C-alpha atoms as a PDB file:
ATOM      1  CA  MET A   1      19.908 -43.289  12.809  1.00  0.00           C
ATOM      2  CA  GLN A   2      22.606 -41.186  11.174  1.00  0.00           C
ATOM      3  CA  PRO A   3      22.304 -37.954   9.829  1.00  0.00           C
ATOM      4  CA  ILE A   4      22.208 -36.775   6.366  1.00  0.00           C
ATOM      5  CA  MET A   5      25.380 -34.784   6.143  1.00  0.00           C
ATOM      6  CA  GLU A   6      27.669 -37.837   7.702  1.00  0.00           C
ATOM      7  CA  ASN A   7      27.494 -39.331   4.373  1.00  0.00           C
ATOM      8  CA  THR A   8      28.990 -36.026   2.329  1.00  0.00           C
ATOM      9  CA  PRO A   9      32.028 -35.454   0.912  1.00  0.00           C
ATOM     10  CA  THR A  10      33.295 -32.702   2.443  1.00  0.00           C
ATOM     11  CA  ALA A  11      35.631 -31.851  -0.920  1.00  0.00           C
ATOM     12  CA  ALA A  12      32.815 -31.562  -2.873  1.00  0.00           C
ATOM     13  CA  LEU A  13      31.860 -28.491  -0.773  1.00  0.00           C
ATOM     14  CA  VAL A  14      35.417 -26.607  -1.122  1.00  0.00           C
ATOM     15  CA  ALA A  15      36.142 -24.771  -4.488  1.00  0.00           C
ATOM     16  CA  ASP A  16      38.930 -25.834  -6.229  1.00  0.00           C
ATOM     17  CA  PRO A  17      40.342 -22.644  -7.512  1.00  0.00           C
ATOM     18  CA  GLN A  18      41.931 -24.437 -10.808  1.00  0.00           C
ATOM     19  CA  HIS A  19      38.746 -25.037 -12.144  1.00  0.00           C
ATOM     20  CA  ILE A  20      36.969 -21.700 -11.502  1.00  0.00           C
ATOM     21  CA  GLU A  21      36.280 -20.088 -14.500  1.00  0.00           C
ATOM     22  CA  HIS A  22      36.361 -16.695 -15.277  1.00  0.00           C
ATOM     23  CA  THR A  23      34.092 -15.155 -17.600  1.00  0.00           C
ATOM     24  CA  THR A  24      33.957 -11.386 -19.067  1.00  0.00           C
ATOM     25  CA  HIS A  25      30.453  -9.616 -19.609  1.00  0.00           C
ATOM     26  CA  ASN A  26      30.756  -6.371 -22.383  1.00  0.00           C
ATOM     27  CA  HIS A  27      28.344  -4.258 -20.841  1.00  0.00           C
ATOM     28  CA  GLU A  28      27.385  -1.546 -23.341  1.00  0.00           C
ATOM     29  CA  GLU A  29      26.252   2.026 -22.707  1.00  0.00           C
ATOM     30  CA  SER A  30      22.692   2.052 -22.669  1.00  0.00           C
ATOM     31  CA  SER A  31      21.115   4.956 -24.859  1.00  0.00           C
ATOM     32  CA  GLU A  32      19.070   7.807 -23.673  1.00  0.00           C
ATOM     33  CA  LEU A  33      15.735   7.868 -25.013  1.00  0.00           C
ATOM     34  CA  SER A  34      14.628  11.225 -27.016  1.00  0.00           C
ATOM     35  CA  THR A  35      13.033  13.955 -25.677  1.00  0.00           C
ATOM     36  CA  GLY A  36       9.811  13.239 -27.908  1.00  0.00           C
ATOM     37  CA  PHE A  37       9.590   9.528 -26.317  1.00  0.00           C
ATOM     38  CA  TYR A  38       9.303  11.462 -22.933  1.00  0.00           C
ATOM     39  CA  VAL A  39       6.880  13.455 -24.192  1.00  0.00           C
ATOM     40  CA  ALA A  40       4.588  11.198 -25.612  1.00  0.00           C
ATOM     41  CA  SER A  41       4.283   9.615 -23.107  1.00  0.00           C
ATOM     42  CA  PHE A  42       3.683  12.464 -20.459  1.00  0.00           C
ATOM     43  CA  LEU A  43       0.020  12.987 -23.335  1.00  0.00           C
ATOM     44  CA  ILE A  44      -0.647   9.672 -23.195  1.00  0.00           C
ATOM     45  CA  LEU A  45      -0.348   9.062 -19.122  1.00  0.00           C
ATOM     46  CA  LEU A  46      -2.273  12.416 -19.655  1.00  0.00           C
ATOM     47  CA  THR A  47      -5.175  11.113 -22.512  1.00  0.00           C
ATOM     48  CA  ILE A  48      -5.778   8.001 -20.031  1.00  0.00           C
ATOM     49  CA  LEU A  49      -6.033  10.030 -17.203  1.00  0.00           C
ATOM     50  CA  GLY A  50      -8.736  12.151 -18.876  1.00  0.00           C
ATOM     51  CA  ILE A  51     -10.824   8.643 -20.187  1.00  0.00           C
ATOM     52  CA  PHE A  52     -10.691   6.511 -17.748  1.00  0.00           C
ATOM     53  CA  GLY A  53     -10.891   8.964 -14.311  1.00  0.00           C
ATOM     54  CA  ASP A  54     -12.744  11.604 -12.919  1.00  0.00           C
ATOM     55  CA  MET A  55     -12.030  15.038 -12.513  1.00  0.00           C
ATOM     56  CA  PHE A  56     -10.098  14.091  -9.016  1.00  0.00           C
ATOM     57  CA  VAL A  57      -8.201  11.639  -9.763  1.00  0.00           C
ATOM     58  CA  PHE A  58      -7.571  13.903 -13.296  1.00  0.00           C
ATOM     59  CA  ILE A  59      -6.278  16.684 -11.387  1.00  0.00           C
ATOM     60  CA  LEU A  60      -3.656  14.687  -9.314  1.00  0.00           C
ATOM     61  CA  GLY A  61      -2.655  12.869 -11.748  1.00  0.00           C
ATOM     62  CA  LEU A  62      -1.626  15.506 -13.703  1.00  0.00           C
ATOM     63  CA  ILE A  63       0.307  17.492 -10.850  1.00  0.00           C
ATOM     64  CA  GLY A  64       2.063  13.989  -9.655  1.00  0.00           C
ATOM     65  CA  ALA A  65       2.802  13.389 -13.660  1.00  0.00           C
ATOM     66  CA  VAL A  66       4.142  17.301 -13.773  1.00  0.00           C
ATOM     67  CA  VAL A  67       6.174  16.645 -10.315  1.00  0.00           C
ATOM     68  CA  ILE A  68       7.792  13.788 -11.709  1.00  0.00           C
ATOM     69  CA  TYR A  69       8.338  14.641 -15.259  1.00  0.00           C
ATOM     70  CA  ALA A  70       9.990  18.002 -14.537  1.00  0.00           C
ATOM     71  CA  GLY A  71      12.268  16.373 -11.674  1.00  0.00           C
ATOM     72  CA  TYR A  72      13.502  14.514 -14.196  1.00  0.00           C
ATOM     73  CA  PHE A  73      14.320  16.964 -16.992  1.00  0.00           C
ATOM     74  CA  THR A  74      15.646  19.468 -14.311  1.00  0.00           C
ATOM     75  CA  GLU A  75      17.907  16.522 -12.891  1.00  0.00           C
ATOM     76  CA  LYS A  76      18.891  15.763 -16.393  1.00  0.00           C
ATOM     77  CA  ALA A  77      20.120  19.250 -17.285  1.00  0.00           C
ATOM     78  CA  ALA A  78      21.615  19.505 -14.003  1.00  0.00           C
ATOM     79  CA  ASN A  79      23.814  16.664 -15.305  1.00  0.00           C
ATOM     80  CA  GLU A  80      24.682  17.619 -18.171  1.00  0.00           C
ATOM     81  CA  GLU A  81      26.808  20.481 -16.970  1.00  0.00           C
ATOM     82  CA  HIS A  82      29.074  18.564 -15.192  1.00  0.00           C
END
């Protein structure tokens, strides 16, 4: 019984430098979303928490959302100064 690898040519496993194609990718700068979008998403999140959650979930979600959104805007303002 012969191993399977014995019949495969080893030359096919080696990359030929003459046949390697180089492609260039054009990366565009990602544009920032507007502040209104973040405010609207914050209000929608609070609305969803208010409708579908009880008071405990709403309060925890409110604290979490305020911390996350405030942290984002604080970091964004700090990065704009540099």
